[in-house]
Protein backbone atom coordinates (compact mmCIF):
# COMPACT_ATOMS: atom_id res chain seq x y z
CA MET A 1 3.47 1.37 -4.26
CA THR A 2 3.04 3.84 -1.43
CA LEU A 3 0.68 3.10 1.58
CA THR A 4 -1.62 5.94 0.33
CA ALA A 5 -2.17 4.34 -2.92
CA HIS A 6 -2.79 0.98 -1.61
CA VAL A 7 -5.24 2.18 1.00
CA SER A 8 -7.10 4.54 -1.40
CA VAL A 9 -7.58 1.91 -4.11
CA ALA A 10 -8.68 -0.82 -1.42
CA CYS A 11 -11.23 1.50 -0.05
CA ALA A 12 -12.50 2.01 -3.58
CA VAL A 13 -12.62 -1.68 -4.55
CA GLY A 14 -14.02 -2.46 -1.04
CA LEU A 15 -17.04 -0.19 -1.62
CA ALA A 16 -17.69 -1.88 -4.81
CA THR A 17 -18.15 -5.00 -2.85
CA GLN A 18 -20.51 -3.68 -0.23
CA ASN A 19 -19.36 -6.37 2.01
CA PRO A 20 -16.68 -6.31 4.81
CA VAL A 21 -15.19 -9.73 4.21
CA ALA A 22 -15.24 -9.43 0.43
CA GLY A 23 -13.68 -5.84 0.90
CA PHE A 24 -11.05 -7.25 2.80
CA PHE A 25 -9.89 -9.69 0.32
CA ALA A 26 -10.67 -7.35 -2.68
CA GLY A 27 -8.27 -4.87 -0.72
CA PHE A 28 -5.69 -7.69 -0.27
CA ILE A 29 -5.92 -8.73 -3.99
CA SER A 30 -5.85 -5.03 -5.30
CA HIS A 31 -2.53 -4.62 -3.44
CA HIS A 32 -0.89 -7.15 -5.45
CA ILE A 33 -2.40 -6.04 -8.68
CA ILE A 34 -1.41 -2.41 -8.38
CA ASP A 35 2.06 -3.34 -7.34
CA GLY A 36 2.44 -4.58 -10.78
CA ILE A 37 2.04 -0.99 -12.14
CA PRO A 38 5.31 0.87 -12.55
CA HIS A 39 5.73 2.91 -9.30
CA SER A 40 8.20 4.60 -7.15
CA ASP A 41 8.38 4.29 -3.43
CA ALA A 42 11.07 4.00 -0.72
CA GLY A 43 12.55 1.11 -2.48
CA SER A 44 13.13 3.23 -5.44
CA LEU A 45 15.41 5.48 -3.02
CA GLY A 46 17.48 2.51 -1.93
CA ALA A 47 15.43 1.85 1.28
CA ASN A 48 14.54 -1.71 2.45
CA VAL A 49 13.59 -3.49 5.76
CA TYR A 50 17.33 -3.58 6.74
CA ASN A 51 18.01 0.03 6.53
CA LEU A 52 14.79 1.96 6.38
CA LEU A 53 15.09 3.25 10.08
CA LYS A 54 18.59 4.72 9.21
CA ASN A 55 17.95 5.65 5.68
CA LYS A 56 17.38 9.31 4.53
CA THR A 57 14.09 8.02 2.86
CA LEU A 58 12.46 7.66 6.41
CA LYS A 59 10.92 11.08 6.04
CA TYR A 60 9.35 10.04 2.84
CA VAL A 61 7.91 6.93 4.50
CA ILE A 62 6.62 8.84 7.51
CA ALA A 63 4.99 11.48 5.15
CA ASP A 64 3.26 8.52 3.29
CA VAL A 65 2.05 6.86 6.40
CA VAL A 66 0.50 10.34 7.74
CA ILE A 67 -1.09 11.01 4.46
CA ALA A 68 -2.50 7.45 4.30
CA ALA A 69 -3.94 7.75 7.78
CA ILE A 70 -5.47 11.09 7.11
CA PHE A 71 -7.09 9.73 4.02
CA PHE A 72 -8.38 6.63 5.84
CA ALA A 73 -9.66 8.72 8.65
CA ALA A 74 -11.43 11.12 6.29
CA THR A 75 -12.84 8.16 4.20
CA TRP A 76 -13.84 6.16 7.44
CA LEU A 77 -15.59 9.21 8.69
CA ARG A 78 -17.38 9.92 5.37
CA TYR A 79 -18.78 6.50 5.51
CA ASN A 80 -19.80 6.86 9.28
CA PHE A 81 -17.11 4.44 10.49
CA SER A 82 -18.17 1.65 8.37
CA PRO A 83 -16.69 -1.66 8.92
CA LEU A 84 -16.44 -2.07 5.10
CA ILE A 85 -13.97 0.85 4.86
CA PHE A 86 -11.88 -0.51 7.93
CA TRP A 87 -11.59 -4.01 6.57
CA SER A 88 -10.99 -2.99 2.90
CA ALA A 89 -8.13 -0.60 3.96
CA LEU A 90 -6.78 -3.27 6.28
CA GLY A 91 -6.76 -5.85 3.33
CA GLY A 92 -4.96 -3.18 1.06
CA ALA A 93 -2.25 -2.43 3.73
CA LEU A 94 -1.75 -5.90 5.11
CA PRO A 95 0.71 -7.21 2.46
CA ASP A 96 3.24 -4.38 3.24
CA LEU A 97 2.51 -4.72 6.97
CA ILE A 98 3.35 -8.48 6.75
CA ASP A 99 6.30 -8.18 4.29
CA ASN A 100 7.82 -4.69 4.60
CA SER A 101 8.12 -3.80 8.13
CA PRO A 102 11.52 -2.79 9.41
CA PHE A 103 10.56 -4.00 12.87
CA TRP A 104 9.77 -7.66 11.96
CA SER A 105 10.18 -8.51 8.24
CA LYS A 106 14.05 -9.16 8.49
CA TYR A 107 13.03 -12.05 10.72
CA THR A 108 9.72 -13.11 9.15
CA ARG A 109 11.47 -13.38 5.84
CA LYS A 110 13.39 -16.29 7.33
CA ILE A 111 10.69 -18.42 8.63
CA PHE A 112 7.81 -20.44 7.24
CA PRO A 113 5.23 -19.32 5.77
CA THR A 114 6.11 -15.64 5.71
CA ASN A 115 9.37 -16.47 3.72
CA TYR A 116 7.25 -17.88 0.90
CA TYR A 117 4.86 -14.92 1.18
CA HIS A 118 7.63 -12.49 0.64
CA LYS A 119 8.76 -14.36 -2.50
CA PHE A 120 5.29 -14.32 -3.65
CA HIS A 121 4.72 -10.61 -2.99
CA GLU A 122 7.93 -9.68 -4.73
CA THR A 123 6.87 -11.27 -7.87
CA PHE A 124 4.30 -8.60 -8.47
CA HIS A 125 6.49 -5.55 -7.95
CA PHE A 126 7.30 -3.20 -10.82
CA THR A 127 9.36 -0.53 -8.76
CA ILE A 128 11.09 1.92 -10.71
CA LEU A 129 14.71 2.03 -9.58
CA SER A 130 16.19 4.68 -11.79
CA LYS A 131 16.08 8.04 -9.97
CA ARG A 132 15.82 9.75 -13.13
CA TYR A 133 12.31 8.30 -13.65
CA PHE A 134 11.24 8.49 -10.15
CA TRP A 135 8.65 11.07 -11.22
CA VAL A 136 6.91 8.53 -13.39
CA GLY A 137 6.38 6.21 -10.63
CA ILE A 138 4.86 8.96 -8.59
CA ALA A 139 2.60 10.14 -11.35
CA THR A 140 1.18 6.52 -11.74
CA GLN A 141 0.11 6.53 -8.09
CA VAL A 142 -1.26 10.08 -8.29
CA VAL A 143 -3.57 8.80 -10.99
CA LEU A 144 -4.66 5.70 -9.06
CA ILE A 145 -5.33 7.82 -5.95
CA LEU A 146 -7.32 10.24 -7.99
CA ILE A 147 -9.29 7.67 -9.64
CA ALA A 148 -9.96 6.04 -6.17
CA VAL A 149 -10.91 9.46 -4.72
CA GLY A 150 -13.45 9.96 -7.46
CA ILE A 151 -15.05 6.52 -6.67
CA ILE A 152 -14.97 7.12 -2.96
CA TYR A 153 -16.22 10.74 -3.02
CA LYS A 154 -18.79 10.64 -5.82
């Protein structure tokens, strides 16, 4: 799942909690739940923590990070820099920050307890690996993002 999808859904579920701590945990849990929806991401294109910085998908990842950052900034501004939005978005992004960073994940996947977290996190993923159906995985995320936007900007 893209960072944009995780951040947008986390902000929407965080708003439902109306509590920054609950929003953080709701965002964290939502990350794992929506990873179970068929989706396309850099992994669909062959990228992983070992080759992401060398892979041709780097532009795709950078675009996703930029779009997620713009979405987060607009939402945080809309809600007057609410801690609820900040903590919810962080909860939604944290699993991938812990487990899928090309800067540290190749090391953290070898040590306790993050090696166990990696195995846990991977059990949720339904990444579409066939390039032929890449568009299906993008479409599922667009739907999720649009639902989240509808909740956030109602």
